[in-house]
């Protein structure tokens, strides 16, 4: 039997019943190491479950991300009510997956966790359309502005493919690089521009009109 790559998942929920139910259901998947979030715990993915995204919940997510001992985890959110501004804020906090709670099954949540662990994005089509419209209406950066000058042609090509939902392995194949090179390129962008993660880097380039 092929070895299973285990994904560590920490759960934050709006109420104990939702949290305990999620822990029970998700723990049956052997590729997931699931636990309730606790201060200082190391995790690859932070799963947030709520009916409505509230200001206190966003503050809690921020606290969780800042509390991580080494790196901020990928963020997967399952909720029914959230504003566009909250989506932008969650992207800055590492959002890689967003699902409507009323339309989601646990199998769908597990698949989104897998995609997020691979560095891929999963957003509802309606949210994607809004983000694209919002970005198109934002003034683009001139070629000589710091934002535009900060990204090399190769870096823009990498971010463009990541924005299309490709994994780092798929980007490497597409551009004829090794996957380690792609990861190093993304790391350099995030570090140089003081961004949080690859999702934030893609959003940064989109807002600047570079991709």
Protein backbone atom coordinates (compact mmCIF):
# COMPACT_ATOMS: atom_id res chain seq x y z
CA UNK A 1 0.00 0.00 0.00
CA UNK A 2 1.34 3.42 -0.96
CA UNK A 3 2.24 5.71 1.95
CA UNK A 4 -0.33 8.35 2.83
CA UNK A 5 0.70 11.99 3.08
CA UNK A 6 -0.98 13.12 6.28
CA UNK A 7 -2.35 16.67 6.41
CA UNK A 8 -2.58 18.27 9.84
CA UNK A 9 -5.85 20.18 10.30
CA UNK A 10 -6.86 22.43 13.20
CA UNK A 11 -10.58 23.19 13.57
CA UNK A 12 -12.09 26.48 14.74
CA UNK A 13 -15.89 26.58 14.93
CA UNK A 14 -18.54 29.07 15.95
CA UNK A 15 -19.97 26.62 18.50
CA UNK A 16 -18.87 23.42 20.32
CA UNK A 17 -21.49 21.21 18.62
CA UNK A 18 -20.22 22.11 15.14
CA UNK A 19 -16.62 21.67 16.26
CA UNK A 20 -17.17 18.24 17.81
CA UNK A 21 -19.23 17.04 14.85
CA UNK A 22 -16.51 18.10 12.41
CA UNK A 23 -13.79 16.43 14.48
CA UNK A 24 -15.76 13.17 14.57
CA UNK A 25 -16.48 13.11 10.83
CA UNK A 26 -13.10 14.30 9.57
CA UNK A 27 -11.11 11.98 11.87
CA UNK A 28 -12.40 9.01 9.85
CA UNK A 29 -10.18 10.09 6.94
CA UNK A 30 -6.76 8.52 7.48
CA UNK A 31 -4.98 11.20 5.43
CA UNK A 32 -6.10 13.87 7.91
CA UNK A 33 -4.68 14.50 11.38
CA UNK A 34 -7.55 16.52 12.85
CA UNK A 35 -7.74 18.30 16.19
CA UNK A 36 -9.42 21.29 17.78
CA UNK A 37 -7.20 24.34 17.55
CA UNK A 38 -5.19 25.18 20.65
CA UNK A 39 -2.72 27.99 21.19
CA UNK A 40 0.72 27.12 19.87
CA UNK A 41 -0.32 24.05 17.87
CA UNK A 42 1.41 23.35 14.56
CA UNK A 43 -0.95 22.74 11.63
CA UNK A 44 -0.92 22.78 7.83
CA UNK A 45 -4.56 23.80 7.38
CA UNK A 46 -6.85 25.87 9.59
CA UNK A 47 -10.50 24.90 9.04
CA UNK A 48 -13.06 27.50 10.13
CA UNK A 49 -16.73 26.47 10.38
CA UNK A 50 -19.48 29.04 10.96
CA UNK A 51 -22.87 30.15 9.71
CA UNK A 52 -21.83 33.81 9.58
CA UNK A 53 -18.36 35.34 9.42
CA UNK A 54 -18.31 37.94 12.19
CA UNK A 55 -15.74 40.52 13.26
CA UNK A 56 -14.86 38.54 16.43
CA UNK A 57 -14.37 35.38 14.35
CA UNK A 58 -12.04 37.22 11.96
CA UNK A 59 -10.07 38.51 14.93
CA UNK A 60 -9.81 34.94 16.21
CA UNK A 61 -8.50 33.79 12.81
CA UNK A 62 -5.91 36.58 12.91
CA UNK A 63 -4.84 35.50 16.39
CA UNK A 64 -4.52 31.88 15.26
CA UNK A 65 -2.38 32.85 12.27
CA UNK A 66 -0.10 35.03 14.40
CA UNK A 67 0.17 32.35 17.09
CA UNK A 68 1.60 29.69 14.77
CA UNK A 69 5.05 28.59 15.98
CA UNK A 70 6.70 28.64 12.53
CA UNK A 71 4.37 29.45 9.63
CA UNK A 72 0.80 30.55 9.02
CA UNK A 73 -1.40 27.62 7.91
CA UNK A 74 -3.57 27.53 4.81
CA UNK A 75 -7.07 28.82 5.60
CA UNK A 76 -10.25 26.96 4.60
CA UNK A 77 -13.53 28.64 5.56
CA UNK A 78 -17.00 27.07 5.46
CA UNK A 79 -19.77 29.63 6.00
CA UNK A 80 -22.96 30.97 4.43
CA UNK A 81 -22.80 34.68 5.19
CA UNK A 82 -19.76 36.84 4.52
CA UNK A 83 -19.09 40.19 2.87
CA UNK A 84 -16.76 40.95 -0.03
CA UNK A 85 -14.50 42.93 2.27
CA UNK A 86 -14.30 39.95 4.61
CA UNK A 87 -13.21 37.77 1.69
CA UNK A 88 -10.40 40.22 0.86
CA UNK A 89 -9.38 40.26 4.51
CA UNK A 90 -9.38 36.46 4.66
CA UNK A 91 -7.22 36.29 1.52
CA UNK A 92 -4.64 38.37 3.37
CA UNK A 93 -4.91 35.86 6.21
CA UNK A 94 -4.10 32.93 3.90
CA UNK A 95 -7.48 31.93 2.46
CA UNK A 96 -7.15 29.08 -0.05
CA UNK A 97 -10.61 27.52 0.21
CA UNK A 98 -14.08 29.00 0.69
CA UNK A 99 -17.28 26.94 0.71
CA UNK A 100 -20.94 27.73 1.31
CA UNK A 101 -21.90 25.78 4.42
CA UNK A 102 -25.47 25.05 3.26
CA UNK A 103 -24.16 23.53 0.01
CA UNK A 104 -21.21 21.55 1.40
CA UNK A 105 -20.72 17.95 2.45
CA UNK A 106 -17.83 16.64 4.52
CA UNK A 107 -16.45 14.95 1.40
CA UNK A 108 -16.38 18.37 -0.28
CA UNK A 109 -14.62 19.86 2.75
CA UNK A 110 -12.01 17.08 2.71
CA UNK A 111 -11.35 17.64 -1.00
CA UNK A 112 -10.93 21.38 -0.39
CA UNK A 113 -8.48 20.66 2.43
CA UNK A 114 -6.47 18.45 0.05
CA UNK A 115 -6.40 21.16 -2.63
CA UNK A 116 -5.37 23.79 -0.10
CA UNK A 117 -2.55 21.61 1.20
CA UNK A 118 -1.30 21.41 -2.41
CA UNK A 119 -1.40 25.19 -2.68
CA UNK A 120 -4.45 25.31 -4.96
CA UNK A 121 -7.41 27.66 -4.63
CA UNK A 122 -11.09 26.76 -4.36
CA UNK A 123 -13.60 29.61 -4.29
CA UNK A 124 -17.32 29.70 -5.21
CA UNK A 125 -17.93 30.89 -8.78
CA UNK A 126 -19.94 33.86 -7.55
CA UNK A 127 -17.06 34.98 -5.35
CA UNK A 128 -14.58 34.49 -8.21
CA UNK A 129 -16.72 36.63 -10.54
CA UNK A 130 -16.97 39.37 -7.94
CA UNK A 131 -13.22 39.36 -7.29
CA UNK A 132 -12.44 39.51 -11.01
CA UNK A 133 -14.87 42.41 -11.44
CA UNK A 134 -13.42 44.19 -8.42
CA UNK A 135 -9.89 43.73 -9.68
CA UNK A 136 -10.76 44.91 -13.20
CA UNK A 137 -12.25 48.09 -11.77
CA UNK A 138 -9.10 48.80 -9.76
CA UNK A 139 -6.61 51.16 -11.46
CA UNK A 140 -3.62 49.19 -12.70
CA UNK A 141 -0.05 49.96 -11.79
CA UNK A 142 2.11 51.85 -14.28
CA UNK A 143 5.19 49.94 -15.47
CA UNK A 144 7.54 52.19 -13.51
CA UNK A 145 5.70 51.92 -10.18
CA UNK A 146 7.34 49.93 -7.35
CA UNK A 147 4.60 47.28 -7.51
CA UNK A 148 5.09 46.59 -11.22
CA UNK A 149 8.86 46.80 -11.06
CA UNK A 150 9.01 44.44 -8.10
CA UNK A 151 8.09 41.37 -10.16
CA UNK A 152 10.26 39.87 -12.88
CA UNK A 153 8.76 38.33 -16.02
CA UNK A 154 9.38 34.81 -14.73
CA UNK A 155 7.69 35.64 -11.42
CA UNK A 156 4.65 37.05 -13.20
CA UNK A 157 4.41 33.86 -15.30
CA UNK A 158 4.44 31.73 -12.14
CA UNK A 159 1.78 33.82 -10.40
CA UNK A 160 -0.42 33.79 -13.51
CA UNK A 161 -0.48 29.98 -13.55
CA UNK A 162 -1.09 29.79 -9.80
CA UNK A 163 -4.03 32.16 -10.30
CA UNK A 164 -5.42 29.64 -12.81
CA UNK A 165 -5.50 27.06 -10.02
CA UNK A 166 -2.41 25.03 -10.94
CA UNK A 167 -0.31 23.38 -8.24
CA UNK A 168 3.41 24.16 -7.94
CA UNK A 169 4.15 20.82 -9.61
CA UNK A 170 1.89 21.66 -12.56
CA UNK A 171 3.43 25.13 -12.85
CA UNK A 172 6.88 23.54 -12.93
CA UNK A 173 5.86 21.21 -15.76
CA UNK A 174 4.26 24.08 -17.69
CA UNK A 175 7.33 26.32 -17.42
CA UNK A 176 9.89 23.51 -17.69
CA UNK A 177 11.39 24.12 -14.23
CA UNK A 178 11.80 21.80 -11.28
CA UNK A 179 9.16 22.15 -8.56
CA UNK A 180 11.76 23.34 -6.03
CA UNK A 181 12.58 26.28 -8.32
CA UNK A 182 8.90 27.28 -8.47
CA UNK A 183 8.62 27.10 -4.68
CA UNK A 184 11.75 29.23 -4.34
CA UNK A 185 10.35 31.81 -6.75
CA UNK A 186 7.13 32.06 -4.76
CA UNK A 187 9.04 32.25 -1.48
CA UNK A 188 11.21 35.06 -2.85
CA UNK A 189 8.13 37.04 -3.95
CA UNK A 190 6.40 36.60 -0.60
CA UNK A 191 9.52 37.54 1.36
CA UNK A 192 10.56 40.50 -0.80
CA UNK A 193 7.11 42.09 -0.96
CA UNK A 194 6.32 41.22 2.68
CA UNK A 195 3.23 39.19 1.79
CA UNK A 196 1.71 36.37 3.84
CA UNK A 197 1.67 33.50 1.35
CA UNK A 198 1.23 32.54 -2.30
CA UNK A 199 -2.49 33.39 -2.25
CA UNK A 200 -1.67 36.90 -1.06
CA UNK A 201 1.01 37.13 -3.77
CA UNK A 202 -1.51 36.22 -6.48
CA UNK A 203 -4.02 38.76 -5.13
CA UNK A 204 -1.25 41.38 -5.01
CA UNK A 205 -0.36 40.81 -8.67
CA UNK A 206 -4.03 40.81 -9.73
CA UNK A 207 -4.69 44.12 -8.00
CA UNK A 208 -1.62 45.60 -9.66
CA UNK A 209 -2.89 44.51 -13.09
CA UNK A 210 0.18 42.35 -13.69
CA UNK A 211 -1.71 39.13 -14.41
